Amino acid sequence: VLTNTYWLLGMTLAFSGLAAFFAMSTGLTMHPIIFLVG
């Protein structure tokens, strides 16, 4: 479980970083309500 968790956590952190970079590159903004619901 620990090995699978750390592998998945590493991949999701990398994916989240790419998503953050995409939002920064495109100037994407997010309304607080959309954030809470999503």
Full PDB file with SEQRES, HELIX, SHEET, SSBOND, CRYST1, ORIGX, SCALE, CONECT and MASTER records, all heavy atoms in Angstrom:
SEQRES   1 A   38  VAL LEU THR ASN THR TYR TRP LEU LEU GLY MET THR LEU          
SEQRES   2 A   38  ALA PHE SER GLY LEU ALA ALA PHE PHE ALA MET SER THR          
SEQRES   3 A   38  GLY LEU THR MET HIS PRO ILE ILE PHE LEU VAL GLY              
HELIX    1 AA1 LEU A    2  THR A   26  1                                  25    
HELIX    2 AA2 PRO A   32  VAL A   37  1                                   6    
CRYST1    1.000    1.000    1.000  90.00  90.00  90.00 P 1           1          
ORIGX1      1.000000  0.000000  0.000000        0.00000                         
ORIGX2      0.000000  1.000000  0.000000        0.00000                         
ORIGX3      0.000000  0.000000  1.000000        0.00000                         
SCALE1      1.000000  0.000000  0.000000        0.00000                         
SCALE2      0.000000  1.000000  0.000000        0.00000                         
SCALE3      0.000000  0.000000  1.000000        0.00000                         
ATOM      1  N   VAL A   1       0.843  -1.204   0.000  1.00  0.00           N  
ATOM      2  CA  VAL A   1       0.000   0.000   0.000  1.00  0.00           C  
ATOM      3  C   VAL A   1       0.872   1.246   0.000  1.00  0.00           C  
ATOM      4  O   VAL A   1       0.604   2.221  -0.715  1.00  0.00           O  
ATOM      5  CB  VAL A   1      -0.944   0.012   1.219  1.00  0.00           C  
ATOM      6  CG1 VAL A   1      -1.710   1.333   1.299  1.00  0.00           C  
ATOM      7  CG2 VAL A   1      -1.923  -1.156   1.142  1.00  0.00           C  
ATOM      8  N   LEU A   2       1.936   1.222   0.801  1.00  0.00           N  
ATOM      9  CA  LEU A   2       2.829   2.376   0.898  1.00  0.00           C  
ATOM     10  C   LEU A   2       3.515   2.656  -0.437  1.00  0.00           C  
ATOM     11  O   LEU A   2       3.588   3.812  -0.886  1.00  0.00           O  
ATOM     12  CB  LEU A   2       3.876   2.117   1.979  1.00  0.00           C  
ATOM     13  CG  LEU A   2       4.755   3.300   2.388  1.00  0.00           C  
ATOM     14  CD1 LEU A   2       3.911   4.383   3.045  1.00  0.00           C  
ATOM     15  CD2 LEU A   2       5.859   2.837   3.331  1.00  0.00           C  
ATOM     16  N   THR A   3       3.998   1.583  -1.083  1.00  0.00           N  
ATOM     17  CA  THR A   3       4.656   1.749  -2.382  1.00  0.00           C  
ATOM     18  C   THR A   3       3.695   2.299  -3.428  1.00  0.00           C  
ATOM     19  O   THR A   3       4.025   3.248  -4.157  1.00  0.00           O  
ATOM     20  CB  THR A   3       5.224   0.401  -2.872  1.00  0.00           C  
ATOM     21  OG1 THR A   3       6.169  -0.094  -1.923  1.00  0.00           O  
ATOM     22  CG2 THR A   3       5.905   0.556  -4.225  1.00  0.00           C  
ATOM     23  N   ASN A   4       2.506   1.709  -3.511  1.00  0.00           N  
ATOM     24  CA  ASN A   4       1.508   2.178  -4.475  1.00  0.00           C  
ATOM     25  C   ASN A   4       1.093   3.617  -4.197  1.00  0.00           C  
ATOM     26  O   ASN A   4       0.885   4.409  -5.126  1.00  0.00           O  
ATOM     27  CB  ASN A   4       0.277   1.270  -4.438  1.00  0.00           C  
ATOM     28  CG  ASN A   4       0.545  -0.101  -5.022  1.00  0.00           C  
ATOM     29  OD1 ASN A   4       1.476  -0.288  -5.798  1.00  0.00           O  
ATOM     30  ND2 ASN A   4      -0.272  -1.084  -4.653  1.00  0.00           N  
ATOM     31  N   THR A   5       0.971   3.954  -2.910  1.00  0.00           N  
ATOM     32  CA  THR A   5       0.568   5.311  -2.539  1.00  0.00           C  
ATOM     33  C   THR A   5       1.607   6.328  -2.980  1.00  0.00           C  
ATOM     34  O   THR A   5       1.277   7.357  -3.581  1.00  0.00           O  
ATOM     35  CB  THR A   5       0.373   5.417  -1.010  1.00  0.00           C  
ATOM     36  OG1 THR A   5      -0.685   4.554  -0.602  1.00  0.00           O  
ATOM     37  CG2 THR A   5       0.030   6.847  -0.608  1.00  0.00           C  
ATOM     38  N   TYR A   6       2.882   6.043  -2.713  1.00  0.00           N  
ATOM     39  CA  TYR A   6       3.932   7.001  -3.070  1.00  0.00           C  
ATOM     40  C   TYR A   6       4.112   7.123  -4.579  1.00  0.00           C  
ATOM     41  O   TYR A   6       4.409   8.214  -5.085  1.00  0.00           O  
ATOM     42  CB  TYR A   6       5.247   6.608  -2.396  1.00  0.00           C  
ATOM     43  CG  TYR A   6       5.317   7.007  -0.942  1.00  0.00           C  
ATOM     44  CD1 TYR A   6       6.218   6.409  -0.064  1.00  0.00           C  
ATOM     45  CD2 TYR A   6       4.472   7.983  -0.419  1.00  0.00           C  
ATOM     46  CE1 TYR A   6       6.272   6.774   1.276  1.00  0.00           C  
ATOM     47  CE2 TYR A   6       4.514   8.353   0.911  1.00  0.00           C  
ATOM     48  CZ  TYR A   6       5.412   7.754   1.744  1.00  0.00           C  
ATOM     49  OH  TYR A   6       5.470   8.126   3.061  1.00  0.00           O  
ATOM     50  N   TRP A   7       3.950   6.012  -5.294  1.00  0.00           N  
ATOM     51  CA  TRP A   7       4.009   6.085  -6.761  1.00  0.00           C  
ATOM     52  C   TRP A   7       2.872   6.954  -7.301  1.00  0.00           C  
ATOM     53  O   TRP A   7       3.088   7.837  -8.139  1.00  0.00           O  
ATOM     54  CB  TRP A   7       3.935   4.688  -7.373  1.00  0.00           C  
ATOM     55  CG  TRP A   7       5.259   4.026  -7.561  1.00  0.00           C  
ATOM     56  CD1 TRP A   7       5.771   2.974  -6.861  1.00  0.00           C  
ATOM     57  CD2 TRP A   7       6.262   4.386  -8.511  1.00  0.00           C  
ATOM     58  NE1 TRP A   7       7.028   2.650  -7.310  1.00  0.00           N  
ATOM     59  CE2 TRP A   7       7.366   3.494  -8.331  1.00  0.00           C  
ATOM     60  CE3 TRP A   7       6.355   5.358  -9.508  1.00  0.00           C  
ATOM     61  CZ2 TRP A   7       8.518   3.562  -9.100  1.00  0.00           C  
ATOM     62  CZ3 TRP A   7       7.514   5.426 -10.276  1.00  0.00           C  
ATOM     63  CH2 TRP A   7       8.568   4.537 -10.067  1.00  0.00           C  
ATOM     64  N   LEU A   8       1.664   6.693  -6.822  1.00  0.00           N  
ATOM     65  CA  LEU A   8       0.501   7.449  -7.299  1.00  0.00           C  
ATOM     66  C   LEU A   8       0.591   8.904  -6.858  1.00  0.00           C  
ATOM     67  O   LEU A   8       0.249   9.815  -7.624  1.00  0.00           O  
ATOM     68  CB  LEU A   8      -0.789   6.809  -6.777  1.00  0.00           C  
ATOM     69  CG  LEU A   8      -2.102   7.439  -7.265  1.00  0.00           C  
ATOM     70  CD1 LEU A   8      -2.171   7.408  -8.791  1.00  0.00           C  
ATOM     71  CD2 LEU A   8      -3.306   6.694  -6.678  1.00  0.00           C  
ATOM     72  N   LEU A   9       1.053   9.133  -5.633  1.00  0.00           N  
ATOM     73  CA  LEU A   9       1.190  10.504  -5.144  1.00  0.00           C  
ATOM     74  C   LEU A   9       2.192  11.279  -5.994  1.00  0.00           C  
ATOM     75  O   LEU A   9       1.953  12.438  -6.352  1.00  0.00           O  
ATOM     76  CB  LEU A   9       1.635  10.486  -3.682  1.00  0.00           C  
ATOM     77  CG  LEU A   9       1.811  11.861  -3.008  1.00  0.00           C  
ATOM     78  CD1 LEU A   9       0.473  12.595  -2.951  1.00  0.00           C  
ATOM     79  CD2 LEU A   9       2.388  11.691  -1.601  1.00  0.00           C  
ATOM     80  N   GLY A  10       3.309  10.648  -6.326  1.00  0.00           N  
ATOM     81  CA  GLY A  10       4.300  11.304  -7.163  1.00  0.00           C  
ATOM     82  C   GLY A  10       3.747  11.670  -8.533  1.00  0.00           C  
ATOM     83  O   GLY A  10       3.976  12.779  -9.035  1.00  0.00           O  
ATOM     84  N   MET A  11       2.993  10.744  -9.139  1.00  0.00           N  
ATOM     85  CA  MET A  11       2.416  11.002 -10.459  1.00  0.00           C  
ATOM     86  C   MET A  11       1.346  12.087 -10.402  1.00  0.00           C  
ATOM     87  O   MET A  11       1.269  12.946 -11.296  1.00  0.00           O  
ATOM     88  CB  MET A  11       1.852   9.711 -11.036  1.00  0.00           C  
ATOM     89  CG  MET A  11       2.911   8.706 -11.448  1.00  0.00           C  
ATOM     90  SD  MET A  11       2.227   7.263 -12.335  1.00  0.00           S  
ATOM     91  CE  MET A  11       1.366   6.435 -10.988  1.00  0.00           C  
ATOM     92  N   THR A  12       0.523  12.071  -9.363  1.00  0.00           N  
ATOM     93  CA  THR A  12      -0.530  13.079  -9.261  1.00  0.00           C  
ATOM     94  C   THR A  12       0.041  14.463  -8.949  1.00  0.00           C  
ATOM     95  O   THR A  12      -0.483  15.474  -9.431  1.00  0.00           O  
ATOM     96  CB  THR A  12      -1.566  12.697  -8.178  1.00  0.00           C  
ATOM     97  OG1 THR A  12      -0.888  12.424  -6.941  1.00  0.00           O  
ATOM     98  CG2 THR A  12      -2.364  11.481  -8.604  1.00  0.00           C  
ATOM     99  N   LEU A  13       1.119  14.518  -8.178  1.00  0.00           N  
ATOM    100  CA  LEU A  13       1.756  15.810  -7.917  1.00  0.00           C  
ATOM    101  C   LEU A  13       2.351  16.381  -9.209  1.00  0.00           C  
ATOM    102  O   LEU A  13       2.251  17.588  -9.464  1.00  0.00           O  
ATOM    103  CB  LEU A  13       2.844  15.657  -6.852  1.00  0.00           C  
ATOM    104  CG  LEU A  13       2.363  15.476  -5.404  1.00  0.00           C  
ATOM    105  CD1 LEU A  13       3.534  15.148  -4.496  1.00  0.00           C  
ATOM    106  CD2 LEU A  13       1.645  16.732  -4.908  1.00  0.00           C  
ATOM    107  N   ALA A  14       2.960  15.512 -10.005  1.00  0.00           N  
ATOM    108  CA  ALA A  14       3.511  15.955 -11.285  1.00  0.00           C  
ATOM    109  C   ALA A  14       2.395  16.429 -12.214  1.00  0.00           C  
ATOM    110  O   ALA A  14       2.518  17.472 -12.879  1.00  0.00           O  
ATOM    111  CB  ALA A  14       4.299  14.822 -11.936  1.00  0.00           C  
ATOM    112  N   PHE A  15       1.295  15.673 -12.256  1.00  0.00           N  
ATOM    113  CA  PHE A  15       0.163  16.042 -13.098  1.00  0.00           C  
ATOM    114  C   PHE A  15      -0.454  17.361 -12.623  1.00  0.00           C  
ATOM    115  O   PHE A  15      -0.819  18.213 -13.437  1.00  0.00           O  
ATOM    116  CB  PHE A  15      -0.886  14.929 -13.058  1.00  0.00           C  
ATOM    117  CG  PHE A  15      -2.057  15.158 -13.974  1.00  0.00           C  
ATOM    118  CD1 PHE A  15      -1.898  15.156 -15.351  1.00  0.00           C  
ATOM    119  CD2 PHE A  15      -3.323  15.386 -13.456  1.00  0.00           C  
ATOM    120  CE1 PHE A  15      -2.975  15.364 -16.206  1.00  0.00           C  
ATOM    121  CE2 PHE A  15      -4.409  15.599 -14.289  1.00  0.00           C  
ATOM    122  CZ  PHE A  15      -4.231  15.590 -15.670  1.00  0.00           C  
ATOM    123  N   SER A  16      -0.546  17.529 -11.308  1.00  0.00           N  
ATOM    124  CA  SER A  16      -1.079  18.763 -10.754  1.00  0.00           C  
ATOM    125  C   SER A  16      -0.179  19.949 -11.099  1.00  0.00           C  
ATOM    126  O   SER A  16      -0.659  21.047 -11.393  1.00  0.00           O  
ATOM    127  CB  SER A  16      -1.209  18.632  -9.233  1.00  0.00           C  
ATOM    128  OG  SER A  16      -1.755  19.798  -8.666  1.00  0.00           O  
ATOM    129  N   GLY A  17       1.141  19.717 -11.087  1.00  0.00           N  
ATOM    130  CA  GLY A  17       2.079  20.768 -11.456  1.00  0.00           C  
ATOM    131  C   GLY A  17       1.919  21.178 -12.915  1.00  0.00           C  
ATOM    132  O   GLY A  17       1.976  22.375 -13.243  1.00  0.00           O  
ATOM    133  N   LEU A  18       1.704  20.192 -13.787  1.00  0.00           N  
ATOM    134  CA  LEU A  18       1.467  20.499 -15.208  1.00  0.00           C  
ATOM    135  C   LEU A  18       0.173  21.294 -15.385  1.00  0.00           C  
ATOM    136  O   LEU A  18       0.110  22.222 -16.195  1.00  0.00           O  
ATOM    137  CB  LEU A  18       1.402  19.200 -16.018  1.00  0.00           C  
ATOM    138  CG  LEU A  18       2.719  18.443 -16.200  1.00  0.00           C  
ATOM    139  CD1 LEU A  18       2.470  17.110 -16.906  1.00  0.00           C  
ATOM    140  CD2 LEU A  18       3.713  19.286 -16.994  1.00  0.00           C  
ATOM    141  N   ALA A  19      -0.856  20.924 -14.631  1.00  0.00           N  
ATOM    142  CA  ALA A  19      -2.128  21.647 -14.699  1.00  0.00           C  
ATOM    143  C   ALA A  19      -1.952  23.081 -14.227  1.00  0.00           C  
ATOM    144  O   ALA A  19      -2.530  24.017 -14.809  1.00  0.00           O  
ATOM    145  CB  ALA A  19      -3.180  20.928 -13.859  1.00  0.00           C  
ATOM    146  N   ALA A  20      -1.165  23.280 -13.176  1.00  0.00           N  
ATOM    147  CA  ALA A  20      -0.896  24.629 -12.667  1.00  0.00           C  
ATOM    148  C   ALA A  20      -0.147  25.452 -13.712  1.00  0.00           C  
ATOM    149  O   ALA A  20      -0.450  26.636 -13.920  1.00  0.00           O  
ATOM    150  CB  ALA A  20      -0.108  24.556 -11.368  1.00  0.00           C  
ATOM    151  N   PHE A  21       0.829  24.821 -14.373  1.00  0.00           N  
ATOM    152  CA  PHE A  21       1.589  25.511 -15.421  1.00  0.00           C  
ATOM    153  C   PHE A  21       0.679  25.890 -16.584  1.00  0.00           C  
ATOM    154  O   PHE A  21       0.802  26.991 -17.143  1.00  0.00           O  
ATOM    155  CB  PHE A  21       2.723  24.614 -15.909  1.00  0.00           C  
ATOM    156  CG  PHE A  21       3.556  25.227 -16.995  1.00  0.00           C  
ATOM    157  CD1 PHE A  21       4.492  26.202 -16.699  1.00  0.00           C  
ATOM    158  CD2 PHE A  21       3.392  24.832 -18.320  1.00  0.00           C  
ATOM    159  CE1 PHE A  21       5.259  26.777 -17.715  1.00  0.00           C  
ATOM    160  CE2 PHE A  21       4.146  25.408 -19.336  1.00  0.00           C  
ATOM    161  CZ  PHE A  21       5.082  26.383 -19.028  1.00  0.00           C  
ATOM    162  N   PHE A  22      -0.241  24.987 -16.933  1.00  0.00           N  
ATOM    163  CA  PHE A  22      -1.196  25.281 -18.006  1.00  0.00           C  
ATOM    164  C   PHE A  22      -2.065  26.483 -17.635  1.00  0.00           C  
ATOM    165  O   PHE A  22      -2.295  27.378 -18.466  1.00  0.00           O  
ATOM    166  CB  PHE A  22      -2.075  24.056 -18.261  1.00  0.00           C  
ATOM    167  CG  PHE A  22      -3.212  24.308 -19.216  1.00  0.00           C  
ATOM    168  CD1 PHE A  22      -2.996  24.320 -20.587  1.00  0.00           C  
ATOM    169  CD2 PHE A  22      -4.499  24.538 -18.742  1.00  0.00           C  
ATOM    170  CE1 PHE A  22      -4.039  24.568 -21.476  1.00  0.00           C  
ATOM    171  CE2 PHE A  22      -5.545  24.785 -19.618  1.00  0.00           C  
ATOM    172  CZ  PHE A  22      -5.319  24.804 -20.988  1.00  0.00           C  
ATOM    173  N   ALA A  23      -2.549  26.514 -16.408  1.00  0.00           N  
ATOM    174  CA  ALA A  23      -3.391  27.630 -15.963  1.00  0.00           C  
ATOM    175  C   ALA A  23      -2.605  28.938 -15.977  1.00  0.00           C  
ATOM    176  O   ALA A  23      -3.145  29.991 -16.348  1.00  0.00           O  
ATOM    177  CB  ALA A  23      -3.924  27.343 -14.555  1.00  0.00           C  
ATOM    178  N   MET A  24      -1.334  28.886 -15.597  1.00  0.00           N  
ATOM    179  CA  MET A  24      -0.508  30.082 -15.592  1.00  0.00           C  
ATOM    180  C   MET A  24      -0.233  30.555 -17.017  1.00  0.00           C  
ATOM    181  O   MET A  24      -0.242  31.758 -17.296  1.00  0.00           O  
ATOM    182  CB  MET A  24       0.815  29.788 -14.878  1.00  0.00           C  
ATOM    183  CG  MET A  24       0.667  29.519 -13.387  1.00  0.00           C  
ATOM    184  SD  MET A  24       2.168  28.798 -12.653  1.00  0.00           S  
ATOM    185  CE  MET A  24       3.364  30.084 -12.999  1.00  0.00           C  
ATOM    186  N   SER A  25      -0.020  29.621 -17.920  1.00  0.00           N  
ATOM    187  CA  SER A  25       0.307  29.965 -19.309  1.00  0.00           C  
ATOM    188  C   SER A  25      -0.885  30.560 -20.046  1.00  0.00           C  
ATOM    189  O   SER A  25      -0.718  31.422 -20.917  1.00  0.00           O  
ATOM    190  CB  SER A  25       0.815  28.728 -20.047  1.00  0.00           C  
ATOM    191  OG  SER A  25       1.954  28.195 -19.421  1.00  0.00           O  
ATOM    192  N   THR A  26      -2.066  30.082 -19.722  1.00  0.00           N  
ATOM    193  CA  THR A  26      -3.271  30.524 -20.423  1.00  0.00           C  
ATOM    194  C   THR A  26      -4.007  31.647 -19.703  1.00  0.00           C  
ATOM    195  O   THR A  26      -4.980  32.184 -20.231  1.00  0.00           O  
ATOM    196  CB  THR A  26      -4.239  29.342 -20.608  1.00  0.00           C  
ATOM    197  OG1 THR A  26      -4.588  28.797 -19.317  1.00  0.00           O  
ATOM    198  CG2 THR A  26      -3.604  28.253 -21.455  1.00  0.00           C  
ATOM    199  N   GLY A  27      -3.547  31.990 -18.510  1.00  0.00           N  
ATOM    200  CA  GLY A  27      -4.228  33.037 -17.747  1.00  0.00           C  
ATOM    201  C   GLY A  27      -5.576  32.592 -17.213  1.00  0.00           C  
ATOM    202  O   GLY A  27      -6.466  33.407 -16.969  1.00  0.00           O  
ATOM    203  N   LEU A  28      -5.726  31.291 -17.012  1.00  0.00           N  
ATOM    204  CA  LEU A  28      -6.988  30.740 -16.530  1.00  0.00           C  
ATOM    205  C   LEU A  28      -7.274  31.211 -15.108  1.00  0.00           C  
ATOM    206  O   LEU A  28      -6.387  31.257 -14.254  1.00  0.00           O  
ATOM    207  CB  LEU A  28      -6.923  29.221 -16.553  1.00  0.00           C  
ATOM    208  CG  LEU A  28      -8.174  28.460 -16.081  1.00  0.00           C  
ATOM    209  CD1 LEU A  28      -9.299  28.643 -17.081  1.00  0.00           C  
ATOM    210  CD2 LEU A  28      -7.848  26.975 -15.912  1.00  0.00           C  
ATOM    211  N   THR A  29      -8.514  31.601 -14.852  1.00  0.00           N  
ATOM    212  CA  THR A  29      -8.945  31.965 -13.505  1.00  0.00           C  
ATOM    213  C   THR A  29     -10.077  31.043 -13.082  1.00  0.00           C  
ATOM    214  O   THR A  29     -10.710  30.393 -13.921  1.00  0.00           O  
ATOM    215  CB  THR A  29      -9.420  33.427 -13.442  1.00  0.00           C  
ATOM    216  OG1 THR A  29     -10.511  33.609 -14.364  1.00  0.00           O  
ATOM    217  CG2 THR A  29      -8.291  34.380 -13.814  1.00  0.00           C  
ATOM    218  N   MET A  30     -10.336  30.994 -11.787  1.00  0.00           N  
ATOM    219  CA  MET A  30     -11.363  30.099 -11.273  1.00  0.00           C  
ATOM    220  C   MET A  30     -12.196  30.806 -10.215  1.00  0.00           C  
ATOM    221  O   MET A  30     -11.658  31.318  -9.227  1.00  0.00           O  
ATOM    222  CB  MET A  30     -10.720  28.837 -10.692  1.00  0.00           C  
ATOM    223  CG  MET A  30     -11.717  27.766 -10.281  1.00  0.00           C  
ATOM    224  SD  MET A  30     -10.909  26.231  -9.737  1.00  0.00           S  
ATOM    225  CE  MET A  30     -10.076  25.707 -11.240  1.00  0.00           C  
ATOM    226  N   HIS A  31     -13.495  30.811 -10.424  1.00  0.00           N  
ATOM    227  CA  HIS A  31     -14.406  31.421  -9.453  1.00  0.00           C  
ATOM    228  C   HIS A  31     -14.450  30.555  -8.194  1.00  0.00           C  
ATOM    229  O   HIS A  31     -14.412  29.317  -8.288  1.00  0.00           O  
ATOM    230  CB  HIS A  31     -15.810  31.538 -10.055  1.00  0.00           C  
ATOM    231  CG  HIS A  31     -16.723  32.418  -9.271  1.00  0.00           C  
ATOM    232  ND1 HIS A  31     -17.404  31.971  -8.146  1.00  0.00           N  
ATOM    233  CD2 HIS A  31     -17.074  33.723  -9.442  1.00  0.00           C  
ATOM    234  CE1 HIS A  31     -18.133  32.957  -7.650  1.00  0.00           C  
ATOM    235  NE2 HIS A  31     -17.946  34.037  -8.422  1.00  0.00           N  
ATOM    236  N   PRO A  32     -14.507  31.173  -7.016  1.00  0.00           N  
ATOM    237  CA  PRO A  32     -14.527  30.394  -5.760  1.00  0.00           C  
ATOM    238  C   PRO A  32     -15.624  29.336  -5.701  1.00  0.00           C  
ATOM    239  O   PRO A  32     -15.411  28.238  -5.166  1.00  0.00           O  
ATOM    240  CB  PRO A  32     -14.746  31.463  -4.688  1.00  0.00           C  
ATOM    241  CG  PRO A  32     -14.156  32.704  -5.287  1.00  0.00           C  
ATOM    242  CD  PRO A  32     -14.443  32.616  -6.750  1.00  0.00           C  
ATOM    243  N   ILE A  33     -16.788  29.648  -6.243  1.00  0.00           N  
ATOM    244  CA  ILE A  33     -17.889  28.672  -6.214  1.00  0.00           C  
ATOM    245  C   ILE A  33     -17.553  27.469  -7.089  1.00  0.00           C  
ATOM    246  O   ILE A  33     -17.808  26.314  -6.710  1.00  0.00           O  
ATOM    247  CB  ILE A  33     -19.211  29.320  -6.670  1.00  0.00           C  
ATOM    248  CG1 ILE A  33     -19.637  30.401  -5.674  1.00  0.00           C  
ATOM    249  CG2 ILE A  33     -20.299  28.264  -6.813  1.00  0.00           C  
ATOM    250  CD1 ILE A  33     -20.918  31.105  -6.042  1.00  0.00           C  
ATOM    251  N   ILE A  34     -16.958  27.731  -8.256  1.00  0.00           N  
ATOM    252  CA  ILE A  34     -16.554  26.633  -9.145  1.00  0.00           C  
ATOM    253  C   ILE A  34     -15.503  25.769  -8.445  1.00  0.00           C  
ATOM    254  O   ILE A  34     -15.538  24.535  -8.532  1.00  0.00           O  
ATOM    255  CB  ILE A  34     -15.993  27.183 -10.467  1.00  0.00           C  
ATOM    256  CG1 ILE A  34     -17.101  27.913 -11.245  1.00  0.00           C  
ATOM    257  CG2 ILE A  34     -15.401  26.060 -11.318  1.00  0.00           C  
ATOM    258  CD1 ILE A  34     -16.624  28.544 -12.533  1.00  0.00           C  
ATOM    259  N   PHE A  35     -14.580  26.421  -7.734  1.00  0.00           N  
ATOM    260  CA  PHE A  35     -13.557  25.672  -7.015  1.00  0.00           C  
ATOM    261  C   PHE A  35     -14.172  24.770  -5.948  1.00  0.00           C  
ATOM    262  O   PHE A  35     -13.834  23.585  -5.850  1.00  0.00           O  
ATOM    263  CB  PHE A  35     -12.556  26.626  -6.362  1.00  0.00           C  
ATOM    264  CG  PHE A  35     -11.622  25.937  -5.401  1.00  0.00           C  
ATOM    265  CD1 PHE A  35     -10.574  25.161  -5.880  1.00  0.00           C  
ATOM    266  CD2 PHE A  35     -11.813  26.032  -4.034  1.00  0.00           C  
ATOM    267  CE1 PHE A  35      -9.718  24.512  -5.004  1.00  0.00           C  
ATOM    268  CE2 PHE A  35     -10.968  25.384  -3.150  1.00  0.00           C  
ATOM    269  CZ  PHE A  35      -9.914  24.623  -3.635  1.00  0.00           C  
ATOM    270  N   LEU A  36     -15.079  25.313  -5.145  1.00  0.00           N  
ATOM    271  CA  LEU A  36     -15.687  24.533  -4.068  1.00  0.00           C  
ATOM    272  C   LEU A  36     -16.479  23.348  -4.620  1.00  0.00           C  
ATOM    273  O   LEU A  36     -16.361  22.219  -4.132  1.00  0.00           O  
ATOM    274  CB  LEU A  36     -16.594  25.427  -3.219  1.00  0.00           C  
ATOM    275  CG  LEU A  36     -15.880  26.476  -2.355  1.00  0.00           C  
ATOM    276  CD1 LEU A  36     -16.899  27.384  -1.674  1.00  0.00           C  
ATOM    277  CD2 LEU A  36     -14.998  25.797  -1.315  1.00  0.00           C  
ATOM    278  N   VAL A  37     -17.295  23.606  -5.638  1.00  0.00           N  
ATOM    279  CA  VAL A  37     -18.105  22.544  -6.220  1.00  0.00           C  
ATOM    280  C   VAL A  37     -17.215  21.482  -6.876  1.00  0.00           C  
ATOM    281  O   VAL A  37     -17.409  20.272  -6.692  1.00  0.00           O  
ATOM    282  CB  VAL A  37     -19.098  23.112  -7.255  1.00  0.00           C  
ATOM    283  CG1 VAL A  37     -19.831  21.976  -7.982  1.00  0.00           C  
ATOM    284  CG2 VAL A  37     -20.114  24.026  -6.576  1.00  0.00           C  
ATOM    285  N   GLY A  38     -16.220  21.927  -7.648  1.00  0.00           N  
ATOM    286  CA  GLY A  38     -15.337  20.994  -8.335  1.00  0.00           C  
ATOM    287  C   GLY A  38     -14.471  20.183  -7.377  1.00  0.00           C  
ATOM    288  O   GLY A  38     -14.358  18.968  -7.514  1.00  0.00           O  
TER     289      GLY A  38                                                      
MASTER        0    0    0    2    0    0    0    6  288    1    0    3          
END                                                                             
